[in-house]
Amino acid sequence: MFDATRSYRRLSPQSRRTVALAGTAALAAAALTACSSAGADAKSDKPANVAVNLSGTKVPAGQQVKVTAQNGELTDVTVADAKGTKLTGKLAKDGTSWTSDRVTAPSAAYTVTAHSKGTGGAEATKTATFRTVAAGKVNKLDWRPGTGGTVGVAQPISIVFDHPVQNKAAVEKQLKVTTSNNTEGSWGWMQDWSGKDRVDWRPKEYWQPGTKVKLAAQLAGVDSGSTGGYFVRDYATDFTIGPRQVVSVDLDNHQLTLTRDGQQVRTIPVSGGTPGGDKASWRGTTVLMSKEGTINMNSETVGLGNSYNKMVDYSMRLSWSGTYAHAAPWNAGYFGRANHSSGCIGMSDADAATLYREVRVGDPFEIKGQETKGLIAPNNGFGEWNLSWSDWQAKSALRG
């Protein structure tokens, strides 16, 4: 049998010192290894400390959700309301925080699910819930054009709000327009003819035919201001641009010309508004707002006293102030010869029927003449085409 003690005694004193030092080093190494192993186990067993900035059942709406991690990093965060609608967000580069892209909506219950990893690799999942309070006042909106339609090349996107919008930049930031061909355009704020706040989006130039357009108004949770209240939902619409049709109205020569895709389709003799007073026509570019068919026109509704009150066929609205293109057989003696209407563009029954059939909502009417009463305003229908591109951009709350 091998006797380690006897063998050690036979060694020279120098050899004995060498063996002793080697043993001490081995013990030290073993001790270091044991300490390192214990430290790694301790770290791996400790998850990250995860916190959510919002909690409770009476959280004010309109806030971003922020999730943070200490002693580790976040690997994935999901925030969803009771309906399953998610608030998307972004992780910081170092993984220590996550912030939602959008704010919370009023009267909504949210669940936050955060996956994390500790500094030693320990994985954990934290779930937190909170509820926002109801809005004291709710703002809503109406928009043009309607969903799924085909409109003319001058049609803007137009949004009218129920209540005043003080936080215009915050609202405009959430209005996302996408097009199939990256059309350049801008929002512009104004007071609608009704007196309400309104914002329109128009391209720099007329739309290209065939363009697909989508609007996503991601407004849920946005505060429009102290007198307007919160928005509680999102809105969306989409539409397509039809052929390039332009209606040119020359009131000096009393002629209307319809051009389609650069080709003249027809010329119609017309009579515009009587010069020299309130009955004169507006000039400038306006847009066909609606095709209203047979309607009653009453001069008292547009501030012209008792000048007329009659049923009018093939009525095509061009402004909120009462400008139409329509059939006017009672004025037949003036078609192609003189302007003798109460501000509208009149023509024969047959010509009005043809034009009514061929034009579409969103087609521009470019009206010129020396004896008009002025340039149509941006808010009187869709008169924004009369502003230069730089002037229109200046009406944006984000760019102006």
Protein backbone atom coordinates (compact mmCIF):
# COMPACT_ATOMS: atom_id res chain seq x y z
CA MET A 1 0.00 0.00 0.00
CA PHE A 2 1.26 3.51 -0.83
CA ASP A 3 2.17 5.57 2.25
CA ALA A 4 1.96 9.27 1.36
CA THR A 5 3.31 10.39 4.74
CA ARG A 6 6.45 8.18 4.51
CA SER A 7 7.06 9.34 0.90
CA TYR A 8 6.77 12.98 1.98
CA ARG A 9 9.35 12.41 4.75
CA ARG A 10 11.85 11.01 2.25
CA LEU A 11 11.75 14.25 0.22
CA SER A 12 14.48 16.86 0.56
CA PRO A 13 13.61 20.05 2.47
CA GLN A 14 13.43 22.05 -0.81
CA SER A 15 11.07 19.50 -2.38
CA ARG A 16 8.94 19.57 0.73
CA ARG A 17 8.55 23.39 0.38
CA THR A 18 7.52 22.99 -3.28
CA VAL A 19 4.83 20.45 -2.44
CA ALA A 20 3.51 22.63 0.40
CA LEU A 21 3.20 25.69 -1.87
CA ALA A 22 1.41 23.67 -4.56
CA GLY A 23 -1.06 22.41 -1.99
CA THR A 24 -1.72 25.91 -0.71
CA ALA A 25 -2.33 27.18 -4.28
CA ALA A 26 -4.70 24.32 -4.95
CA LEU A 27 -6.67 25.08 -1.80
CA ALA A 28 -6.84 28.78 -2.72
CA ALA A 29 -8.04 27.97 -6.22
CA ALA A 30 -10.67 25.67 -4.79
CA ALA A 31 -11.80 28.40 -2.44
CA LEU A 32 -12.07 30.95 -5.28
CA THR A 33 -14.01 28.52 -7.42
CA ALA A 34 -16.45 27.85 -4.62
CA CYS A 35 -17.01 31.59 -4.01
CA SER A 36 -17.56 32.32 -7.74
CA SER A 37 -20.05 29.50 -8.06
CA ALA A 38 -22.02 30.70 -5.07
CA GLY A 39 -22.14 34.27 -6.45
CA ALA A 40 -23.41 33.12 -9.87
CA ASP A 41 -26.12 31.02 -8.27
CA ALA A 42 -27.23 33.98 -6.19
CA LYS A 43 -27.48 36.28 -9.23
CA SER A 44 -29.31 33.78 -11.40
CA ASP A 45 -31.93 33.31 -8.71
CA LYS A 46 -32.71 37.03 -8.48
CA PRO A 47 -35.21 38.40 -11.08
CA ALA A 48 -35.32 42.00 -12.26
CA ASN A 49 -37.30 44.51 -10.21
CA VAL A 50 -40.13 45.60 -12.56
CA ALA A 51 -42.40 48.63 -11.93
CA VAL A 52 -45.37 50.21 -13.79
CA ASN A 53 -45.99 53.97 -13.54
CA LEU A 54 -49.82 53.71 -13.43
CA SER A 55 -51.84 51.88 -10.79
CA GLY A 56 -55.20 51.90 -9.07
CA THR A 57 -58.77 52.39 -10.24
CA LYS A 58 -58.87 56.17 -10.63
CA VAL A 59 -56.04 56.89 -13.04
CA PRO A 60 -56.46 60.06 -15.15
CA ALA A 61 -56.69 59.26 -18.87
CA GLY A 62 -54.34 60.61 -21.51
CA GLN A 63 -51.06 59.26 -20.06
CA GLN A 64 -48.38 57.04 -21.55
CA VAL A 65 -47.70 53.73 -19.86
CA LYS A 66 -44.09 53.36 -18.67
CA VAL A 67 -42.57 50.12 -17.44
CA THR A 68 -39.08 50.07 -15.87
CA ALA A 69 -36.68 47.35 -14.75
CA GLN A 70 -33.86 47.46 -12.18
CA ASN A 71 -31.21 44.76 -11.71
CA GLY A 72 -32.05 43.38 -15.13
CA GLU A 73 -33.86 44.16 -18.36
CA LEU A 74 -37.27 43.88 -19.98
CA THR A 75 -37.63 41.37 -22.79
CA ASP A 76 -41.25 41.97 -23.80
CA VAL A 77 -44.15 44.18 -22.65
CA THR A 78 -47.84 43.98 -23.60
CA VAL A 79 -50.49 46.52 -22.59
CA ALA A 80 -54.09 45.76 -23.56
CA ASP A 81 -57.54 46.96 -22.55
CA ALA A 82 -60.53 44.77 -21.73
CA LYS A 83 -61.50 44.63 -25.41
CA GLY A 84 -58.07 43.32 -26.40
CA THR A 85 -56.95 46.57 -28.00
CA LYS A 86 -53.20 46.91 -27.46
CA LEU A 87 -51.08 49.97 -26.79
CA THR A 88 -47.94 49.46 -28.83
CA GLY A 89 -44.67 50.77 -27.46
CA LYS A 90 -40.88 50.74 -27.64
CA LEU A 91 -38.15 49.22 -25.51
CA ALA A 92 -35.17 51.37 -24.63
CA LYS A 93 -31.90 50.22 -26.19
CA ASP A 94 -30.59 49.04 -22.83
CA GLY A 95 -33.84 47.20 -22.09
CA THR A 96 -34.42 48.98 -18.79
CA SER A 97 -37.62 50.75 -19.82
CA TRP A 98 -40.63 50.48 -22.14
CA THR A 99 -42.92 53.40 -23.10
CA SER A 100 -46.25 53.17 -24.92
CA ASP A 101 -46.59 55.02 -28.22
CA ARG A 102 -50.08 56.22 -27.38
CA VAL A 103 -51.88 57.42 -24.28
CA THR A 104 -54.56 55.69 -22.27
CA ALA A 105 -58.23 56.22 -23.11
CA PRO A 106 -60.88 57.28 -20.59
CA SER A 107 -62.98 54.68 -18.75
CA ALA A 108 -60.76 51.75 -19.74
CA ALA A 109 -59.29 48.81 -17.82
CA TYR A 110 -55.72 47.91 -18.79
CA THR A 111 -53.56 44.88 -18.08
CA VAL A 112 -49.76 45.15 -18.26
CA THR A 113 -47.76 41.97 -18.81
CA ALA A 114 -44.00 42.45 -18.53
CA HIS A 115 -41.43 39.72 -19.20
CA SER A 116 -37.97 40.36 -17.78
CA LYS A 117 -34.56 38.82 -17.16
CA GLY A 118 -32.38 39.47 -14.12
CA THR A 119 -28.69 40.32 -14.32
CA GLY A 120 -27.84 36.69 -13.65
CA GLY A 121 -30.34 35.41 -16.20
CA ALA A 122 -33.35 34.67 -14.00
CA GLU A 123 -36.55 35.13 -16.03
CA ALA A 124 -39.83 36.37 -14.58
CA THR A 125 -43.25 37.72 -15.62
CA LYS A 126 -45.08 40.52 -13.84
CA THR A 127 -48.76 41.37 -14.37
CA ALA A 128 -50.31 44.65 -13.26
CA THR A 129 -53.72 46.23 -13.80
CA PHE A 130 -55.17 49.73 -13.61
CA ARG A 131 -58.34 51.56 -14.64
CA THR A 132 -58.77 55.08 -16.02
CA VAL A 133 -61.56 57.42 -14.99
CA ALA A 134 -64.38 58.43 -17.33
CA ALA A 135 -64.12 61.63 -19.38
CA GLY A 136 -65.99 64.61 -17.99
CA LYS A 137 -66.64 65.76 -21.57
CA VAL A 138 -66.35 63.79 -24.81
CA ASN A 139 -65.32 65.28 -28.15
CA LYS A 140 -66.42 63.69 -31.42
CA LEU A 141 -65.85 64.40 -35.08
CA ASP A 142 -67.40 64.13 -38.53
CA TRP A 143 -65.38 63.75 -41.70
CA ARG A 144 -65.44 63.85 -45.48
CA PRO A 145 -65.24 61.99 -47.78
CA GLY A 146 -67.09 58.87 -46.69
CA THR A 147 -65.51 55.45 -46.47
CA GLY A 148 -64.94 53.34 -49.56
CA GLY A 149 -65.95 55.89 -52.20
CA THR A 150 -64.28 57.29 -55.31
CA VAL A 151 -63.85 61.05 -55.42
CA GLY A 152 -62.41 63.74 -57.66
CA VAL A 153 -58.81 64.98 -57.77
CA ALA A 154 -59.45 68.07 -55.61
CA GLN A 155 -61.20 66.37 -52.69
CA PRO A 156 -59.55 67.14 -49.34
CA ILE A 157 -59.89 65.13 -46.16
CA SER A 158 -62.01 67.36 -43.95
CA ILE A 159 -62.68 66.84 -40.23
CA VAL A 160 -65.13 68.94 -38.20
CA PHE A 161 -65.13 68.62 -34.39
CA ASP A 162 -68.15 68.75 -32.10
CA HIS A 163 -66.31 70.83 -29.49
CA PRO A 164 -63.41 73.31 -29.61
CA VAL A 165 -59.90 71.94 -30.04
CA GLN A 166 -57.34 73.87 -28.05
CA ASN A 167 -54.60 71.24 -28.21
CA LYS A 168 -54.41 71.34 -31.99
CA ALA A 169 -50.84 70.05 -32.26
CA ALA A 170 -51.62 67.03 -30.04
CA VAL A 171 -54.67 66.20 -32.14
CA GLU A 172 -52.96 66.75 -35.50
CA LYS A 173 -50.09 64.48 -34.42
CA GLN A 174 -52.55 61.58 -34.19
CA LEU A 175 -54.05 62.08 -37.68
CA LYS A 176 -52.18 59.67 -39.95
CA VAL A 177 -52.65 59.90 -43.74
CA THR A 178 -51.16 57.21 -45.95
CA THR A 179 -51.37 57.01 -49.73
CA SER A 180 -50.48 54.42 -52.34
CA ASN A 181 -47.97 56.76 -54.01
CA ASN A 182 -46.56 58.85 -51.13
CA THR A 183 -48.54 61.95 -52.04
CA GLU A 184 -47.21 65.10 -50.40
CA GLY A 185 -49.80 66.96 -48.36
CA SER A 186 -50.43 68.95 -45.21
CA TRP A 187 -53.09 69.62 -42.58
CA GLY A 188 -54.55 73.09 -42.18
CA TRP A 189 -56.75 74.39 -39.36
CA MET A 190 -59.66 76.78 -39.76
CA GLN A 191 -63.07 77.64 -38.39
CA ASP A 192 -65.73 75.82 -40.34
CA TRP A 193 -68.64 77.76 -41.89
CA SER A 194 -70.72 76.32 -39.03
CA GLY A 195 -68.42 77.99 -36.49
CA LYS A 196 -66.84 74.73 -35.31
CA ASP A 197 -63.14 73.87 -35.38
CA ARG A 198 -62.09 72.09 -38.56
CA VAL A 199 -58.89 70.64 -39.99
CA ASP A 200 -58.39 69.65 -43.66
CA TRP A 201 -55.64 67.67 -45.39
CA ARG A 202 -55.00 68.57 -49.02
CA PRO A 203 -52.24 67.48 -51.38
CA LYS A 204 -49.69 69.98 -52.65
CA GLU A 205 -51.29 69.59 -56.07
CA TYR A 206 -54.40 67.79 -57.31
CA TRP A 207 -54.38 64.07 -56.54
CA GLN A 208 -53.08 61.62 -59.12
CA PRO A 209 -55.96 59.49 -60.49
CA GLY A 210 -56.09 56.03 -58.95
CA THR A 211 -54.46 57.05 -55.66
CA LYS A 212 -55.57 54.99 -52.66
CA VAL A 213 -55.93 57.09 -49.50
CA LYS A 214 -56.31 56.05 -45.86
CA LEU A 215 -56.87 58.14 -42.77
CA ALA A 216 -56.28 56.74 -39.28
CA ALA A 217 -57.40 59.22 -36.62
CA GLN A 218 -55.80 57.62 -33.56
CA LEU A 219 -57.47 59.90 -31.06
CA ALA A 220 -58.64 57.68 -28.19
CA GLY A 221 -57.28 59.22 -24.99
CA VAL A 222 -56.22 62.53 -26.55
CA ASP A 223 -57.30 65.63 -24.64
CA SER A 224 -58.62 68.31 -27.01
CA GLY A 225 -58.55 70.96 -24.28
CA SER A 226 -60.48 72.23 -21.28
CA THR A 227 -63.55 73.21 -23.32
CA GLY A 228 -63.42 70.29 -25.73
CA GLY A 229 -62.89 67.20 -23.62
CA TYR A 230 -61.33 63.84 -24.39
CA PHE A 231 -61.70 61.65 -27.46
CA VAL A 232 -62.76 58.14 -26.45
CA ARG A 233 -62.36 56.28 -29.74
CA ASP A 234 -60.36 56.08 -32.96
CA TYR A 235 -61.70 56.83 -36.44
CA ALA A 236 -60.72 55.57 -39.89
CA THR A 237 -61.72 56.09 -43.49
CA ASP A 238 -60.38 55.22 -46.92
CA PHE A 239 -61.20 56.29 -50.46
CA THR A 240 -59.91 56.24 -54.03
CA ILE A 241 -59.21 59.08 -56.46
CA GLY A 242 -61.09 58.88 -59.76
CA PRO A 243 -60.25 60.25 -63.22
CA ARG A 244 -58.82 63.74 -63.51
CA GLN A 245 -61.85 65.90 -64.22
CA VAL A 246 -61.70 69.71 -64.09
CA VAL A 247 -64.66 72.04 -64.59
CA SER A 248 -63.55 75.47 -65.84
CA VAL A 249 -66.07 78.31 -65.61
CA ASP A 250 -65.33 81.51 -67.53
CA LEU A 251 -67.89 84.07 -66.38
CA ASP A 252 -66.54 86.73 -68.74
CA ASN A 253 -67.36 84.51 -71.72
CA HIS A 254 -70.28 82.75 -69.99
CA GLN A 255 -68.97 79.27 -70.75
CA LEU A 256 -68.41 76.12 -68.69
CA THR A 257 -65.91 73.53 -69.96
CA LEU A 258 -65.52 69.98 -68.67
CA THR A 259 -62.08 68.44 -69.21
CA ARG A 260 -61.31 64.79 -68.48
CA ASP A 261 -57.75 63.44 -68.43
CA GLY A 262 -56.59 66.46 -70.40
CA GLN A 263 -59.24 66.13 -73.11
CA GLN A 264 -62.11 68.59 -73.49
CA VAL A 265 -65.37 66.67 -73.08
CA ARG A 266 -67.96 69.43 -73.57
CA THR A 267 -68.63 73.15 -73.39
CA ILE A 268 -71.87 74.49 -71.93
CA PRO A 269 -73.29 78.04 -72.13
CA VAL A 270 -74.01 79.38 -68.63
CA SER A 271 -75.07 82.46 -66.73
CA GLY A 272 -73.37 83.42 -63.46
CA GLY A 273 -74.23 85.86 -60.69
CA THR A 274 -75.41 89.38 -61.47
CA PRO A 275 -72.39 91.74 -61.12
CA GLY A 276 -72.20 94.66 -58.75
CA GLY A 277 -73.57 93.35 -55.48
CA ASP A 278 -74.29 90.39 -53.25
CA LYS A 279 -75.73 88.42 -56.16
CA ALA A 280 -72.37 88.27 -57.96
CA SER A 281 -70.58 84.93 -58.08
CA TRP A 282 -67.45 83.96 -56.17
CA ARG A 283 -64.27 83.32 -58.15
CA GLY A 284 -61.41 80.91 -57.49
CA THR A 285 -61.16 77.16 -57.18
CA THR A 286 -63.83 75.37 -55.22
CA VAL A 287 -64.79 71.71 -55.07
CA LEU A 288 -68.00 69.85 -55.86
CA MET A 289 -69.21 69.05 -52.34
CA SER A 290 -72.35 67.05 -53.09
CA LYS A 291 -74.84 66.22 -55.82
CA GLU A 292 -78.20 67.05 -54.23
CA GLY A 293 -80.64 66.55 -57.10
CA THR A 294 -83.92 68.48 -56.81
CA ILE A 295 -83.96 70.80 -53.81
CA ASN A 296 -85.80 73.88 -52.60
CA MET A 297 -83.76 77.08 -52.87
CA ASN A 298 -84.88 79.96 -50.70
CA SER A 299 -83.06 83.28 -50.92
CA GLU A 300 -83.82 84.09 -47.29
CA THR A 301 -81.47 81.31 -46.16
CA VAL A 302 -78.48 83.03 -47.83
CA GLY A 303 -79.27 86.62 -46.90
CA LEU A 304 -80.84 87.72 -50.19
CA GLY A 305 -84.31 88.59 -48.92
CA ASN A 306 -87.27 87.27 -50.86
CA SER A 307 -85.54 87.14 -54.26
CA TYR A 308 -86.54 83.52 -54.92
CA ASN A 309 -88.14 80.44 -53.45
CA LYS A 310 -88.34 77.57 -55.93
CA MET A 311 -87.58 73.92 -56.60
CA VAL A 312 -84.34 73.52 -58.55
CA ASP A 313 -83.22 70.43 -60.49
CA TYR A 314 -79.73 68.89 -60.85
CA SER A 315 -78.30 70.88 -57.95
CA MET A 316 -74.52 70.55 -57.46
CA ARG A 317 -73.28 72.24 -54.26
CA LEU A 318 -70.06 74.29 -54.51
CA SER A 319 -70.03 76.20 -51.22
CA TRP A 320 -71.61 76.39 -47.79
CA SER A 321 -72.87 79.89 -48.54
CA GLY A 322 -75.29 78.59 -51.18
CA THR A 323 -73.32 78.52 -54.44
CA TYR A 324 -74.55 75.79 -56.80
CA ALA A 325 -74.30 74.77 -60.40
CA HIS A 326 -77.82 73.77 -61.48
CA ALA A 327 -80.58 73.86 -64.07
CA ALA A 328 -82.09 77.33 -64.42
CA PRO A 329 -84.60 77.25 -67.34
CA TRP A 330 -86.17 80.55 -66.18
CA ASN A 331 -82.86 82.26 -67.06
CA ALA A 332 -82.51 80.73 -70.53
CA GLY A 333 -82.28 84.11 -72.30
CA TYR A 334 -78.95 84.83 -70.58
CA PHE A 335 -77.10 81.52 -71.13
CA GLY A 336 -73.86 82.24 -73.00
CA ARG A 337 -74.68 85.97 -73.08
CA ALA A 338 -74.72 87.59 -69.64
CA ASN A 339 -74.49 86.95 -65.91
CA HIS A 340 -77.96 87.34 -64.47
CA SER A 341 -78.41 84.89 -61.57
CA SER A 342 -78.38 85.24 -57.80
CA GLY A 343 -74.82 83.91 -57.56
CA CYS A 344 -75.19 80.36 -58.86
CA ILE A 345 -74.03 78.97 -62.21
CA GLY A 346 -77.17 78.26 -64.21
CA MET A 347 -77.64 76.28 -67.43
CA SER A 348 -80.36 74.52 -69.41
CA ASP A 349 -82.13 71.43 -68.11
CA ALA A 350 -80.45 69.23 -70.72
CA ASP A 351 -76.95 70.57 -70.05
CA ALA A 352 -77.45 70.39 -66.29
CA ALA A 353 -78.62 66.78 -66.55
CA THR A 354 -75.52 65.86 -68.59
CA LEU A 355 -73.08 67.65 -66.30
CA TYR A 356 -74.76 66.19 -63.21
CA ARG A 357 -74.30 62.71 -64.63
CA GLU A 358 -70.63 63.18 -65.58
CA VAL A 359 -69.09 65.03 -62.63
CA ARG A 360 -68.27 63.47 -59.29
CA VAL A 361 -67.89 64.78 -55.75
CA GLY A 362 -64.35 66.11 -55.35
CA ASP A 363 -64.03 67.52 -58.88
CA PRO A 364 -62.62 71.06 -58.91
CA PHE A 365 -64.61 73.98 -60.32
CA GLU A 366 -62.13 76.66 -61.41
CA ILE A 367 -64.13 79.88 -61.68
CA LYS A 368 -62.77 83.11 -63.13
CA GLY A 369 -64.28 86.44 -64.08
CA GLN A 370 -63.76 90.18 -63.75
CA GLU A 371 -67.20 90.91 -62.35
CA THR A 372 -67.15 88.51 -59.40
CA LYS A 373 -67.46 89.61 -55.77
CA GLY A 374 -64.19 88.13 -54.54
CA LEU A 375 -62.20 84.97 -53.90
CA ILE A 376 -64.04 82.17 -52.19
CA ALA A 377 -62.77 81.60 -48.63
CA PRO A 378 -60.97 78.39 -47.58
CA ASN A 379 -63.77 77.47 -45.14
CA ASN A 380 -66.65 78.21 -47.54
CA GLY A 381 -66.86 74.69 -48.83
CA PHE A 382 -63.39 73.52 -49.84
CA GLY A 383 -61.73 76.74 -50.92
CA GLU A 384 -58.27 75.86 -49.63
CA TRP A 385 -56.97 75.45 -53.19
CA ASN A 386 -56.88 79.24 -53.42
CA LEU A 387 -53.98 79.39 -50.94
CA SER A 388 -50.37 78.94 -52.03
CA TRP A 389 -48.69 75.77 -50.83
CA SER A 390 -46.57 77.65 -48.27
CA ASP A 391 -49.60 79.56 -46.97
CA TRP A 392 -51.52 76.31 -46.61
CA GLN A 393 -48.64 74.62 -44.76
CA ALA A 394 -48.53 77.55 -42.36
CA LYS A 395 -52.04 76.60 -41.18
CA SER A 396 -50.72 73.33 -39.76
CA ALA A 397 -50.39 73.27 -35.97
CA LEU A 398 -47.22 71.18 -36.34
CA ARG A 399 -45.59 72.95 -39.27
CA GLY A 400 -46.96 76.48 -39.16
